[in-house]
Amino acid sequence: MAEVFRAKRSGVEGFEKVVAVKRILSHLSDNKEFVDMFVDEA
Protein backbone atom coordinates (compact mmCIF):
# COMPACT_ATOMS: atom_id res chain seq x y z
CA MET A 1 0.00 0.00 0.00
CA ALA A 2 2.82 2.43 0.72
CA GLU A 3 6.53 3.01 1.02
CA VAL A 4 8.06 4.93 3.91
CA PHE A 5 11.09 7.20 3.88
CA ARG A 6 13.00 8.91 6.62
CA ALA A 7 13.14 12.43 5.29
CA LYS A 8 14.22 15.91 6.23
CA ARG A 9 12.54 19.24 5.70
CA SER A 10 14.71 22.35 5.75
CA GLY A 11 13.68 25.90 6.53
CA VAL A 12 15.13 29.36 7.10
CA GLU A 13 18.31 29.94 9.08
CA GLY A 14 19.38 26.30 8.83
CA PHE A 15 16.17 24.93 10.40
CA GLU A 16 15.78 21.17 9.79
CA LYS A 17 13.25 18.61 10.93
CA VAL A 18 13.38 14.85 10.39
CA VAL A 19 10.01 13.27 9.56
CA ALA A 20 8.62 10.04 8.17
CA VAL A 21 7.10 10.38 4.71
CA LYS A 22 4.59 7.69 3.81
CA ARG A 23 3.93 7.66 0.07
CA ILE A 24 0.90 5.84 -1.32
CA LEU A 25 1.96 3.58 -4.17
CA SER A 26 0.95 4.58 -7.66
CA HIS A 27 -1.34 1.61 -8.36
CA LEU A 28 -3.63 2.79 -5.54
CA SER A 29 -3.72 6.36 -6.82
CA ASP A 30 -6.11 5.15 -9.52
CA ASN A 31 -8.52 3.77 -6.90
CA LYS A 32 -10.78 6.77 -6.32
CA GLU A 33 -12.65 5.19 -3.42
CA PHE A 34 -9.39 4.43 -1.65
CA VAL A 35 -7.91 7.88 -2.32
CA ASP A 36 -11.05 9.70 -1.14
CA MET A 37 -11.17 7.72 2.08
CA PHE A 38 -7.43 8.03 2.64
CA VAL A 39 -7.58 11.82 2.29
CA ASP A 40 -10.69 12.14 4.46
CA GLU A 41 -9.22 10.01 7.23
CA ALA A 42 -5.87 11.81 7.11
PDB file of all heavy atoms in Angstrom:
ATOM      1  N   MET A   1       0.809  -1.202   0.000  1.00  0.00           N
ATOM      2  CA  MET A   1       0.000   0.000   0.000  1.00  0.00           C
ATOM      3  C   MET A   1       0.851   1.264   0.000  1.00  0.00           C
ATOM      4  O   MET A   1       0.440   2.294  -0.522  1.00  0.00           O
ATOM      5  CB  MET A   1      -0.915   0.022   1.229  1.00  0.00           C
ATOM      6  CG  MET A   1      -2.067   1.008   1.111  1.00  0.00           C
ATOM      7  SD  MET A   1      -3.110   1.033   2.588  1.00  0.00           S
ATOM      8  CE  MET A   1      -2.319   2.324   3.532  1.00  0.00           C
ATOM      9  N   ALA A   2       2.024   1.214   0.574  1.00  0.00           N
ATOM     10  CA  ALA A   2       2.824   2.428   0.723  1.00  0.00           C
ATOM     11  C   ALA A   2       4.296   2.080   0.871  1.00  0.00           C
ATOM     12  O   ALA A   2       4.667   0.940   1.149  1.00  0.00           O
ATOM     13  CB  ALA A   2       2.351   3.217   1.946  1.00  0.00           C
ATOM     14  N   GLU A   3       5.123   3.100   0.665  1.00  0.00           N
ATOM     15  CA  GLU A   3       6.535   3.010   1.024  1.00  0.00           C
ATOM     16  C   GLU A   3       6.842   4.178   1.954  1.00  0.00           C
ATOM     17  O   GLU A   3       6.236   5.248   1.852  1.00  0.00           O
ATOM     18  CB  GLU A   3       7.432   3.031  -0.209  1.00  0.00           C
ATOM     19  CG  GLU A   3       7.301   4.238  -1.090  1.00  0.00           C
ATOM     20  CD  GLU A   3       8.196   4.162  -2.317  1.00  0.00           C
ATOM     21  OE1 GLU A   3       9.090   3.293  -2.344  1.00  0.00           O
ATOM     22  OE2 GLU A   3       8.006   4.966  -3.242  1.00  0.00           O
ATOM     23  N   VAL A   4       7.771   3.947   2.869  1.00  0.00           N
ATOM     24  CA  VAL A   4       8.061   4.931   3.906  1.00  0.00           C
ATOM     25  C   VAL A   4       9.522   5.344   3.834  1.00  0.00           C
ATOM     26  O   VAL A   4      10.412   4.495   3.720  1.00  0.00           O
ATOM     27  CB  VAL A   4       7.734   4.370   5.303  1.00  0.00           C
ATOM     28  CG1 VAL A   4       8.037   5.407   6.382  1.00  0.00           C
ATOM     29  CG2 VAL A   4       6.279   3.950   5.380  1.00  0.00           C
ATOM     30  N   PHE A   5       9.747   6.646   3.891  1.00  0.00           N
ATOM     31  CA  PHE A   5      11.092   7.202   3.881  1.00  0.00           C
ATOM     32  C   PHE A   5      11.340   7.996   5.158  1.00  0.00           C
ATOM     33  O   PHE A   5      10.430   8.670   5.658  1.00  0.00           O
ATOM     34  CB  PHE A   5      11.273   8.158   2.690  1.00  0.00           C
ATOM     35  CG  PHE A   5      11.282   7.495   1.345  1.00  0.00           C
ATOM     36  CD1 PHE A   5      10.090   7.249   0.680  1.00  0.00           C
ATOM     37  CD2 PHE A   5      12.471   7.123   0.740  1.00  0.00           C
ATOM     38  CE1 PHE A   5      10.085   6.648  -0.576  1.00  0.00           C
ATOM     39  CE2 PHE A   5      12.479   6.522  -0.507  1.00  0.00           C
ATOM     40  CZ  PHE A   5      11.282   6.280  -1.166  1.00  0.00           C
ATOM     41  N   ARG A   6      12.548   7.914   5.658  1.00  0.00           N
ATOM     42  CA  ARG A   6      13.001   8.910   6.623  1.00  0.00           C
ATOM     43  C   ARG A   6      13.450  10.104   5.800  1.00  0.00           C
ATOM     44  O   ARG A   6      14.209   9.962   4.842  1.00  0.00           O
ATOM     45  CB  ARG A   6      14.152   8.365   7.471  1.00  0.00           C
ATOM     46  CG  ARG A   6      14.597   9.307   8.586  1.00  0.00           C
ATOM     47  CD  ARG A   6      15.555   8.608   9.546  1.00  0.00           C
ATOM     48  NE  ARG A   6      16.783   8.215   8.880  1.00  0.00           N
ATOM     49  CZ  ARG A   6      17.870   8.984   8.771  1.00  0.00           C
ATOM     50  NH1 ARG A   6      17.880  10.197   9.311  1.00  0.00           N
ATOM     51  NH2 ARG A   6      18.948   8.539   8.160  1.00  0.00           N
ATOM     52  N   ALA A   7      12.912  11.258   6.138  1.00  0.00           N
ATOM     53  CA  ALA A   7      13.135  12.432   5.294  1.00  0.00           C
ATOM     54  C   ALA A   7      13.440  13.647   6.160  1.00  0.00           C
ATOM     55  O   ALA A   7      13.273  13.625   7.384  1.00  0.00           O
ATOM     56  CB  ALA A   7      11.912  12.689   4.415  1.00  0.00           C
ATOM     57  N   LYS A   8      13.881  14.686   5.519  1.00  0.00           N
ATOM     58  CA  LYS A   8      14.222  15.910   6.230  1.00  0.00           C
ATOM     59  C   LYS A   8      13.609  17.097   5.493  1.00  0.00           C
ATOM     60  O   LYS A   8      13.644  17.180   4.271  1.00  0.00           O
ATOM     61  CB  LYS A   8      15.740  16.061   6.314  1.00  0.00           C
ATOM     62  CG  LYS A   8      16.204  17.293   7.082  1.00  0.00           C
ATOM     63  CD  LYS A   8      17.732  17.370   7.123  1.00  0.00           C
ATOM     64  CE  LYS A   8      18.318  16.291   8.009  1.00  0.00           C
ATOM     65  NZ  LYS A   8      19.786  16.418   8.166  1.00  0.00           N
ATOM     66  N   ARG A   9      13.046  17.997   6.259  1.00  0.00           N
ATOM     67  CA  ARG A   9      12.544  19.245   5.705  1.00  0.00           C
ATOM     68  C   ARG A   9      13.388  20.391   6.251  1.00  0.00           C
ATOM     69  O   ARG A   9      13.609  20.492   7.452  1.00  0.00           O
ATOM     70  CB  ARG A   9      11.076  19.463   6.055  1.00  0.00           C
ATOM     71  CG  ARG A   9      10.508  20.758   5.465  1.00  0.00           C
ATOM     72  CD  ARG A   9       9.015  20.800   5.475  1.00  0.00           C
ATOM     73  NE  ARG A   9       8.521  21.974   4.756  1.00  0.00           N
ATOM     74  CZ  ARG A   9       7.267  22.147   4.392  1.00  0.00           C
ATOM     75  NH1 ARG A   9       6.366  21.207   4.656  1.00  0.00           N
ATOM     76  NH2 ARG A   9       6.886  23.235   3.743  1.00  0.00           N
ATOM     77  N   SER A  10      13.853  21.233   5.362  1.00  0.00           N
ATOM     78  CA  SER A  10      14.705  22.351   5.753  1.00  0.00           C
ATOM     79  C   SER A  10      13.929  23.659   5.675  1.00  0.00           C
ATOM     80  O   SER A  10      13.004  23.809   4.865  1.00  0.00           O
ATOM     81  CB  SER A  10      15.935  22.425   4.843  1.00  0.00           C
ATOM     82  OG  SER A  10      16.681  21.233   4.911  1.00  0.00           O
ATOM     83  N   GLY A  11      14.331  24.600   6.515  1.00  0.00           N
ATOM     84  CA  GLY A  11      13.683  25.899   6.532  1.00  0.00           C
ATOM     85  C   GLY A  11      14.703  27.016   6.612  1.00  0.00           C
ATOM     86  O   GLY A  11      15.892  26.824   6.320  1.00  0.00           O
ATOM     87  N   VAL A  12      14.254  28.187   7.033  1.00  0.00           N
ATOM     88  CA  VAL A  12      15.128  29.358   7.096  1.00  0.00           C
ATOM     89  C   VAL A  12      16.155  29.198   8.215  1.00  0.00           C
ATOM     90  O   VAL A  12      15.944  28.464   9.184  1.00  0.00           O
ATOM     91  CB  VAL A  12      14.294  30.638   7.318  1.00  0.00           C
ATOM     92  CG1 VAL A  12      13.361  30.873   6.145  1.00  0.00           C
ATOM     93  CG2 VAL A  12      13.525  30.561   8.619  1.00  0.00           C
ATOM     94  N   GLU A  13      17.262  29.882   8.064  1.00  0.00           N
ATOM     95  CA  GLU A  13      18.314  29.937   9.081  1.00  0.00           C
ATOM     96  C   GLU A  13      18.801  28.552   9.502  1.00  0.00           C
ATOM     97  O   GLU A  13      19.098  28.293  10.666  1.00  0.00           O
ATOM     98  CB  GLU A  13      17.829  30.709  10.315  1.00  0.00           C
ATOM     99  CG  GLU A  13      17.372  32.121  10.041  1.00  0.00           C
ATOM    100  CD  GLU A  13      18.516  33.013   9.560  1.00  0.00           C
ATOM    101  OE1 GLU A  13      19.677  32.707   9.876  1.00  0.00           O
ATOM    102  OE2 GLU A  13      18.235  34.011   8.861  1.00  0.00           O
ATOM    103  N   GLY A  14      18.851  27.633   8.535  1.00  0.00           N
ATOM    104  CA  GLY A  14      19.378  26.304   8.826  1.00  0.00           C
ATOM    105  C   GLY A  14      18.426  25.390   9.594  1.00  0.00           C
ATOM    106  O   GLY A  14      18.836  24.334  10.081  1.00  0.00           O
ATOM    107  N   PHE A  15      17.136  25.782   9.697  1.00  0.00           N
ATOM    108  CA  PHE A  15      16.166  24.926  10.395  1.00  0.00           C
ATOM    109  C   PHE A  15      15.996  23.608   9.645  1.00  0.00           C
ATOM    110  O   PHE A  15      15.841  23.586   8.420  1.00  0.00           O
ATOM    111  CB  PHE A  15      14.822  25.638  10.503  1.00  0.00           C
ATOM    112  CG  PHE A  15      13.727  24.757  11.056  1.00  0.00           C
ATOM    113  CD1 PHE A  15      13.558  24.597  12.421  1.00  0.00           C
ATOM    114  CD2 PHE A  15      12.873  24.076  10.200  1.00  0.00           C
ATOM    115  CE1 PHE A  15      12.558  23.781  12.923  1.00  0.00           C
ATOM    116  CE2 PHE A  15      11.863  23.254  10.697  1.00  0.00           C
ATOM    117  CZ  PHE A  15      11.712  23.117  12.063  1.00  0.00           C
ATOM    118  N   GLU A  16      16.001  22.492  10.386  1.00  0.00           N
ATOM    119  CA  GLU A  16      15.782  21.175   9.795  1.00  0.00           C
ATOM    120  C   GLU A  16      14.929  20.326  10.729  1.00  0.00           C
ATOM    121  O   GLU A  16      15.057  20.420  11.948  1.00  0.00           O
ATOM    122  CB  GLU A  16      17.115  20.457   9.551  1.00  0.00           C
ATOM    123  CG  GLU A  16      17.967  21.079   8.461  1.00  0.00           C
ATOM    124  CD  GLU A  16      19.227  20.282   8.205  1.00  0.00           C
ATOM    125  OE1 GLU A  16      19.701  19.600   9.142  1.00  0.00           O
ATOM    126  OE2 GLU A  16      19.728  20.326   7.072  1.00  0.00           O
ATOM    127  N   LYS A  17      14.091  19.517  10.137  1.00  0.00           N
ATOM    128  CA  LYS A  17      13.253  18.606  10.933  1.00  0.00           C
ATOM    129  C   LYS A  17      13.174  17.264  10.218  1.00  0.00           C
ATOM    130  O   LYS A  17      12.871  17.199   9.021  1.00  0.00           O
ATOM    131  CB  LYS A  17      11.843  19.168  11.117  1.00  0.00           C
ATOM    132  CG  LYS A  17      10.972  18.319  12.053  1.00  0.00           C
ATOM    133  CD  LYS A  17       9.650  18.986  12.304  1.00  0.00           C
ATOM    134  CE  LYS A  17       8.826  18.196  13.327  1.00  0.00           C
ATOM    135  NZ  LYS A  17       9.461  18.155  14.654  1.00  0.00           N
ATOM    136  N   VAL A  18      13.473  16.196  10.936  1.00  0.00           N
ATOM    137  CA  VAL A  18      13.378  14.850  10.387  1.00  0.00           C
ATOM    138  C   VAL A  18      11.951  14.333  10.585  1.00  0.00           C
ATOM    139  O   VAL A  18      11.386  14.442  11.668  1.00  0.00           O
ATOM    140  CB  VAL A  18      14.385  13.895  11.067  1.00  0.00           C
ATOM    141  CG1 VAL A  18      14.205  12.468  10.561  1.00  0.00           C
ATOM    142  CG2 VAL A  18      15.814  14.364  10.800  1.00  0.00           C
ATOM    143  N   VAL A  19      11.375  13.788   9.521  1.00  0.00           N
ATOM    144  CA  VAL A  19      10.013  13.270   9.557  1.00  0.00           C
ATOM    145  C   VAL A  19       9.994  11.914   8.863  1.00  0.00           C
ATOM    146  O   VAL A  19      10.971  11.494   8.233  1.00  0.00           O
ATOM    147  CB  VAL A  19       9.021  14.227   8.864  1.00  0.00           C
ATOM    148  CG1 VAL A  19       8.998  15.587   9.554  1.00  0.00           C
ATOM    149  CG2 VAL A  19       9.348  14.375   7.384  1.00  0.00           C
ATOM    150  N   ALA A  20       8.864  11.241   8.955  1.00  0.00           N
ATOM    151  CA  ALA A  20       8.620  10.038   8.170  1.00  0.00           C
ATOM    152  C   ALA A  20       7.634  10.406   7.072  1.00  0.00           C
ATOM    153  O   ALA A  20       6.580  10.984   7.347  1.00  0.00           O
ATOM    154  CB  ALA A  20       8.046   8.932   9.053  1.00  0.00           C
ATOM    155  N   VAL A  21       7.984  10.107   5.842  1.00  0.00           N
ATOM    156  CA  VAL A  21       7.105  10.377   4.705  1.00  0.00           C
ATOM    157  C   VAL A  21       6.558   9.046   4.207  1.00  0.00           C
ATOM    158  O   VAL A  21       7.326   8.164   3.782  1.00  0.00           O
ATOM    159  CB  VAL A  21       7.847  11.115   3.572  1.00  0.00           C
ATOM    160  CG1 VAL A  21       6.972  11.202   2.324  1.00  0.00           C
ATOM    161  CG2 VAL A  21       8.243  12.511   4.027  1.00  0.00           C
ATOM    162  N   LYS A  22       5.257   8.906   4.268  1.00  0.00           N
ATOM    163  CA  LYS A  22       4.591   7.690   3.813  1.00  0.00           C
ATOM    164  C   LYS A  22       3.915   7.986   2.485  1.00  0.00           C
ATOM    165  O   LYS A  22       2.975   8.775   2.418  1.00  0.00           O
ATOM    166  CB  LYS A  22       3.561   7.216   4.837  1.00  0.00           C
ATOM    167  CG  LYS A  22       2.864   5.923   4.450  1.00  0.00           C
ATOM    168  CD  LYS A  22       2.001   5.404   5.589  1.00  0.00           C
ATOM    169  CE  LYS A  22       1.437   4.034   5.280  1.00  0.00           C
ATOM    170  NZ  LYS A  22       0.676   3.472   6.404  1.00  0.00           N
ATOM    171  N   ARG A  23       4.431   7.387   1.424  1.00  0.00           N
ATOM    172  CA  ARG A  23       3.929   7.657   0.072  1.00  0.00           C
ATOM    173  C   ARG A  23       3.045   6.517  -0.395  1.00  0.00           C
ATOM    174  O   ARG A  23       3.432   5.351  -0.378  1.00  0.00           O
ATOM    175  CB  ARG A  23       5.096   7.823  -0.900  1.00  0.00           C
ATOM    176  CG  ARG A  23       4.684   8.278  -2.296  1.00  0.00           C
ATOM    177  CD  ARG A  23       5.866   8.257  -3.243  1.00  0.00           C
ATOM    178  NE  ARG A  23       6.170   6.900  -3.691  1.00  0.00           N
ATOM    179  CZ  ARG A  23       5.676   6.364  -4.813  1.00  0.00           C
ATOM    180  NH1 ARG A  23       4.866   7.057  -5.576  1.00  0.00           N
ATOM    181  NH2 ARG A  23       6.008   5.132  -5.152  1.00  0.00           N
ATOM    182  N   ILE A  24       1.826   6.847  -0.806  1.00  0.00           N
ATOM    183  CA  ILE A  24       0.901   5.838  -1.320  1.00  0.00           C
ATOM    184  C   ILE A  24       1.376   5.398  -2.697  1.00  0.00           C
ATOM    185  O   ILE A  24       1.684   6.222  -3.558  1.00  0.00           O
ATOM    186  CB  ILE A  24      -0.526   6.407  -1.399  1.00  0.00           C
ATOM    187  CG1 ILE A  24      -0.960   6.921  -0.028  1.00  0.00           C
ATOM    188  CG2 ILE A  24      -1.489   5.350  -1.912  1.00  0.00           C
ATOM    189  CD1 ILE A  24      -0.818   5.927   1.099  1.00  0.00           C
ATOM    190  N   LEU A  25       1.443   4.099  -2.911  1.00  0.00           N
ATOM    191  CA  LEU A  25       1.959   3.585  -4.171  1.00  0.00           C
ATOM    192  C   LEU A  25       1.038   3.921  -5.343  1.00  0.00           C
ATOM    193  O   LEU A  25      -0.171   4.060  -5.186  1.00  0.00           O
ATOM    194  CB  LEU A  25       2.170   2.071  -4.070  1.00  0.00           C
ATOM    195  CG  LEU A  25       3.189   1.628  -3.008  1.00  0.00           C
ATOM    196  CD1 LEU A  25       3.339   0.119  -3.003  1.00  0.00           C
ATOM    197  CD2 LEU A  25       4.544   2.291  -3.247  1.00  0.00           C
ATOM    198  N   SER A  26       1.657   4.030  -6.502  1.00  0.00           N
ATOM    199  CA  SER A  26       0.946   4.584  -7.658  1.00  0.00           C
ATOM    200  C   SER A  26      -0.255   3.747  -8.071  1.00  0.00           C
ATOM    201  O   SER A  26      -1.256   4.300  -8.538  1.00  0.00           O
ATOM    202  CB  SER A  26       1.915   4.721  -8.837  1.00  0.00           C
ATOM    203  OG  SER A  26       2.516   3.477  -9.143  1.00  0.00           O
ATOM    204  N   HIS A  27      -0.213   2.425  -7.892  1.00  0.00           N
ATOM    205  CA  HIS A  27      -1.339   1.612  -8.360  1.00  0.00           C
ATOM    206  C   HIS A  27      -2.608   1.889  -7.557  1.00  0.00           C
ATOM    207  O   HIS A  27      -3.715   1.632  -8.033  1.00  0.00           O
ATOM    208  CB  HIS A  27      -0.992   0.118  -8.308  1.00  0.00           C
ATOM    209  CG  HIS A  27      -0.928  -0.461  -6.932  1.00  0.00           C
ATOM    210  ND1 HIS A  27       0.202  -0.381  -6.146  1.00  0.00           N
ATOM    211  CD2 HIS A  27      -1.845  -1.122  -6.190  1.00  0.00           C
ATOM    212  CE1 HIS A  27      -0.016  -0.979  -4.985  1.00  0.00           C
ATOM    213  NE2 HIS A  27      -1.256  -1.432  -4.977  1.00  0.00           N
ATOM    214  N   LEU A  28      -2.451   2.443  -6.339  1.00  0.00           N
ATOM    215  CA  LEU A  28      -3.632   2.794  -5.542  1.00  0.00           C
ATOM    216  C   LEU A  28      -4.120   4.212  -5.833  1.00  0.00           C
ATOM    217  O   LEU A  28      -5.239   4.558  -5.471  1.00  0.00           O
ATOM    218  CB  LEU A  28      -3.326   2.645  -4.052  1.00  0.00           C
ATOM    219  CG  LEU A  28      -3.243   1.207  -3.547  1.00  0.00           C
ATOM    220  CD1 LEU A  28      -2.815   1.178  -2.092  1.00  0.00           C
ATOM    221  CD2 LEU A  28      -4.582   0.496  -3.715  1.00  0.00           C
ATOM    222  N   SER A  29      -3.297   5.000  -6.480  1.00  0.00           N
ATOM    223  CA  SER A  29      -3.718   6.360  -6.817  1.00  0.00           C
ATOM    224  C   SER A  29      -4.854   6.362  -7.822  1.00  0.00           C
ATOM    225  O   SER A  29      -5.580   7.354  -7.956  1.00  0.00           O
ATOM    226  CB  SER A  29      -2.529   7.152  -7.374  1.00  0.00           C
ATOM    227  OG  SER A  29      -1.492   7.249  -6.410  1.00  0.00           O
ATOM    228  N   ASP A  30      -5.026   5.261  -8.545  1.00  0.00           N
ATOM    229  CA  ASP A  30      -6.114   5.151  -9.515  1.00  0.00           C
ATOM    230  C   ASP A  30      -7.404   4.651  -8.880  1.00  0.00           C
ATOM    231  O   ASP A  30      -8.439   4.605  -9.545  1.00  0.00           O
ATOM    232  CB  ASP A  30      -5.711   4.206 -10.652  1.00  0.00           C
ATOM    233  CG  ASP A  30      -4.512   4.734 -11.427  1.00  0.00           C
ATOM    234  OD1 ASP A  30      -4.409   5.967 -11.560  1.00  0.00           O
ATOM    235  OD2 ASP A  30      -3.690   3.912 -11.884  1.00  0.00           O
ATOM    236  N   ASN A  31      -7.334   4.259  -7.610  1.00  0.00           N
ATOM    237  CA  ASN A  31      -8.517   3.770  -6.903  1.00  0.00           C
ATOM    238  C   ASN A  31      -9.181   4.955  -6.200  1.00  0.00           C
ATOM    239  O   ASN A  31      -8.792   5.342  -5.106  1.00  0.00           O
ATOM    240  CB  ASN A  31      -8.093   2.694  -5.895  1.00  0.00           C
ATOM    241  CG  ASN A  31      -9.271   2.043  -5.193  1.00  0.00           C
ATOM    242  OD1 ASN A  31     -10.319   2.652  -5.015  1.00  0.00           O
ATOM    243  ND2 ASN A  31      -9.081   0.805  -4.769  1.00  0.00           N
ATOM    244  N   LYS A  32     -10.185   5.542  -6.842  1.00  0.00           N
ATOM    245  CA  LYS A  32     -10.775   6.772  -6.321  1.00  0.00           C
ATOM    246  C   LYS A  32     -11.390   6.582  -4.943  1.00  0.00           C
ATOM    247  O   LYS A  32     -11.268   7.440  -4.064  1.00  0.00           O
ATOM    248  CB  LYS A  32     -11.840   7.298  -7.294  1.00  0.00           C
ATOM    249  CG  LYS A  32     -12.405   8.671  -6.887  1.00  0.00           C
ATOM    250  CD  LYS A  32     -13.396   9.171  -7.899  1.00  0.00           C
ATOM    251  CE  LYS A  32     -13.821  10.602  -7.535  1.00  0.00           C
ATOM    252  NZ  LYS A  32     -14.411  10.687  -6.185  1.00  0.00           N
ATOM    253  N   GLU A  33     -12.024   5.438  -4.721  1.00  0.00           N
ATOM    254  CA  GLU A  33     -12.653   5.190  -3.418  1.00  0.00           C
ATOM    255  C   GLU A  33     -11.596   5.148  -2.322  1.00  0.00           C
ATOM    256  O   GLU A  33     -11.772   5.717  -1.244  1.00  0.00           O
ATOM    257  CB  GLU A  33     -13.436   3.879  -3.455  1.00  0.00           C
ATOM    258  CG  GLU A  33     -14.288   3.652  -2.215  1.00  0.00           C
ATOM    259  CD  GLU A  33     -15.126   2.397  -2.312  1.00  0.00           C
ATOM    260  OE1 GLU A  33     -14.872   1.568  -3.224  1.00  0.00           O
ATOM    261  OE2 GLU A  33     -16.024   2.222  -1.474  1.00  0.00           O
ATOM    262  N   PHE A  34     -10.478   4.486  -2.618  1.00  0.00           N
ATOM    263  CA  PHE A  34      -9.393   4.435  -1.651  1.00  0.00           C
ATOM    264  C   PHE A  34      -8.820   5.821  -1.394  1.00  0.00           C
ATOM    265  O   PHE A  34      -8.625   6.232  -0.248  1.00  0.00           O
ATOM    266  CB  PHE A  34      -8.280   3.501  -2.141  1.00  0.00           C
ATOM    267  CG  PHE A  34      -7.008   3.615  -1.358  1.00  0.00           C
ATOM    268  CD1 PHE A  34      -6.861   2.953  -0.153  1.00  0.00           C
ATOM    269  CD2 PHE A  34      -5.958   4.419  -1.799  1.00  0.00           C
ATOM    270  CE1 PHE A  34      -5.690   3.067   0.594  1.00  0.00           C
ATOM    271  CE2 PHE A  34      -4.791   4.541  -1.070  1.00  0.00           C
ATOM    272  CZ  PHE A  34      -4.661   3.860   0.130  1.00  0.00           C
ATOM    273  N   VAL A  35      -8.524   6.556  -2.456  1.00  0.00           N
ATOM    274  CA  VAL A  35      -7.913   7.880  -2.316  1.00  0.00           C
ATOM    275  C   VAL A  35      -8.816   8.813  -1.527  1.00  0.00           C
ATOM    276  O   VAL A  35      -8.362   9.526  -0.621  1.00  0.00           O
ATOM    277  CB  VAL A  35      -7.584   8.476  -3.700  1.00  0.00           C
ATOM    278  CG1 VAL A  35      -7.216   9.953  -3.569  1.00  0.00           C
ATOM    279  CG2 VAL A  35      -6.439   7.710  -4.347  1.00  0.00           C
ATOM    280  N   ASP A  36     -10.112   8.817  -1.852  1.00  0.00           N
ATOM    281  CA  ASP A  36     -11.052   9.698  -1.143  1.00  0.00           C
ATOM    282  C   ASP A  36     -11.079   9.389   0.344  1.00  0.00           C
ATOM    283  O   ASP A  36     -11.052  10.299   1.184  1.00  0.00           O
ATOM    284  CB  ASP A  36     -12.457   9.566  -1.736  1.00  0.00           C
ATOM    285  CG  ASP A  36     -12.567  10.188  -3.117  1.00  0.00           C
ATOM    286  OD1 ASP A  36     -11.645  10.927  -3.510  1.00  0.00           O
ATOM    287  OD2 ASP A  36     -13.570   9.917  -3.805  1.00  0.00           O
ATOM    288  N   MET A  37     -11.121   8.097   0.682  1.00  0.00           N
ATOM    289  CA  MET A  37     -11.174   7.723   2.085  1.00  0.00           C
ATOM    290  C   MET A  37      -9.842   8.010   2.774  1.00  0.00           C
ATOM    291  O   MET A  37      -9.803   8.480   3.920  1.00  0.00           O
ATOM    292  CB  MET A  37     -11.550   6.251   2.237  1.00  0.00           C
ATOM    293  CG  MET A  37     -11.763   5.829   3.681  1.00  0.00           C
ATOM    294  SD  MET A  37     -12.415   4.146   3.818  1.00  0.00           S
ATOM    295  CE  MET A  37     -14.080   4.395   3.233  1.00  0.00           C
ATOM    296  N   PHE A  38      -8.742   7.763   2.083  1.00  0.00           N
ATOM    297  CA  PHE A  38      -7.425   8.033   2.639  1.00  0.00           C
ATOM    298  C   PHE A  38      -7.281   9.516   2.989  1.00  0.00           C
ATOM    299  O   PHE A  38      -6.828   9.874   4.074  1.00  0.00           O
ATOM    300  CB  PHE A  38      -6.348   7.614   1.634  1.00  0.00           C
ATOM    301  CG  PHE A  38      -4.954   7.968   2.044  1.00  0.00           C
ATOM    302  CD1 PHE A  38      -4.260   7.175   2.941  1.00  0.00           C
ATOM    303  CD2 PHE A  38      -4.329   9.098   1.547  1.00  0.00           C
ATOM    304  CE1 PHE A  38      -2.968   7.496   3.328  1.00  0.00           C
ATOM    305  CE2 PHE A  38      -3.038   9.437   1.924  1.00  0.00           C
ATOM    306  CZ  PHE A  38      -2.358   8.629   2.815  1.00  0.00           C
ATOM    307  N   VAL A  39      -7.680  10.381   2.066  1.00  0.00           N
ATOM    308  CA  VAL A  39      -7.576  11.819   2.288  1.00  0.00           C
ATOM    309  C   VAL A  39      -8.502  12.259   3.419  1.00  0.00           C
ATOM    310  O   VAL A  39      -8.105  13.030   4.305  1.00  0.00           O
ATOM    311  CB  VAL A  39      -7.889  12.591   0.987  1.00  0.00           C
ATOM    312  CG1 VAL A  39      -7.999  14.087   1.261  1.00  0.00           C
ATOM    313  CG2 VAL A  39      -6.807  12.324  -0.068  1.00  0.00           C
ATOM    314  N   ASP A  40      -9.735  11.756   3.416  1.00  0.00           N
ATOM    315  CA  ASP A  40     -10.694  12.136   4.457  1.00  0.00           C
ATOM    316  C   ASP A  40     -10.206  11.729   5.840  1.00  0.00           C
ATOM    317  O   ASP A  40     -10.292  12.492   6.809  1.00  0.00           O
ATOM    318  CB  ASP A  40     -12.064  11.503   4.181  1.00  0.00           C
ATOM    319  CG  ASP A  40     -12.770  12.141   2.992  1.00  0.00           C
ATOM    320  OD1 ASP A  40     -12.342  13.232   2.571  1.00  0.00           O
ATOM    321  OD2 ASP A  40     -13.734  11.535   2.476  1.00  0.00           O
ATOM    322  N   GLU A  41      -9.688  10.504   5.934  1.00  0.00           N
ATOM    323  CA  GLU A  41      -9.222  10.013   7.226  1.00  0.00           C
ATOM    324  C   GLU A  41      -7.979  10.766   7.687  1.00  0.00           C
ATOM    325  O   GLU A  41      -7.833  11.093   8.868  1.00  0.00           O
ATOM    326  CB  GLU A  41      -8.937   8.507   7.147  1.00  0.00           C
ATOM    327  CG  GLU A  41     -10.171   7.646   6.985  1.00  0.00           C
ATOM    328  CD  GLU A  41     -11.082   7.685   8.196  1.00  0.00           C
ATOM    329  OE1 GLU A  41     -10.587   7.531   9.333  1.00  0.00           O
ATOM    330  OE2 GLU A  41     -12.295   7.875   8.020  1.00  0.00           O
ATOM    331  N   ALA A  42      -7.085  11.073   6.752  1.00  0.00           N
ATOM    332  CA  ALA A  42      -5.872  11.812   7.113  1.00  0.00           C
ATOM    333  C   ALA A  42      -6.225  13.207   7.628  1.00  0.00           C
ATOM    334  O   ALA A  42      -5.643  13.683   8.605  1.00  0.00           O
ATOM    335  CB  ALA A  42      -4.943  11.909   5.909  1.00  0.00           C
TER     336      ALA A  42
END
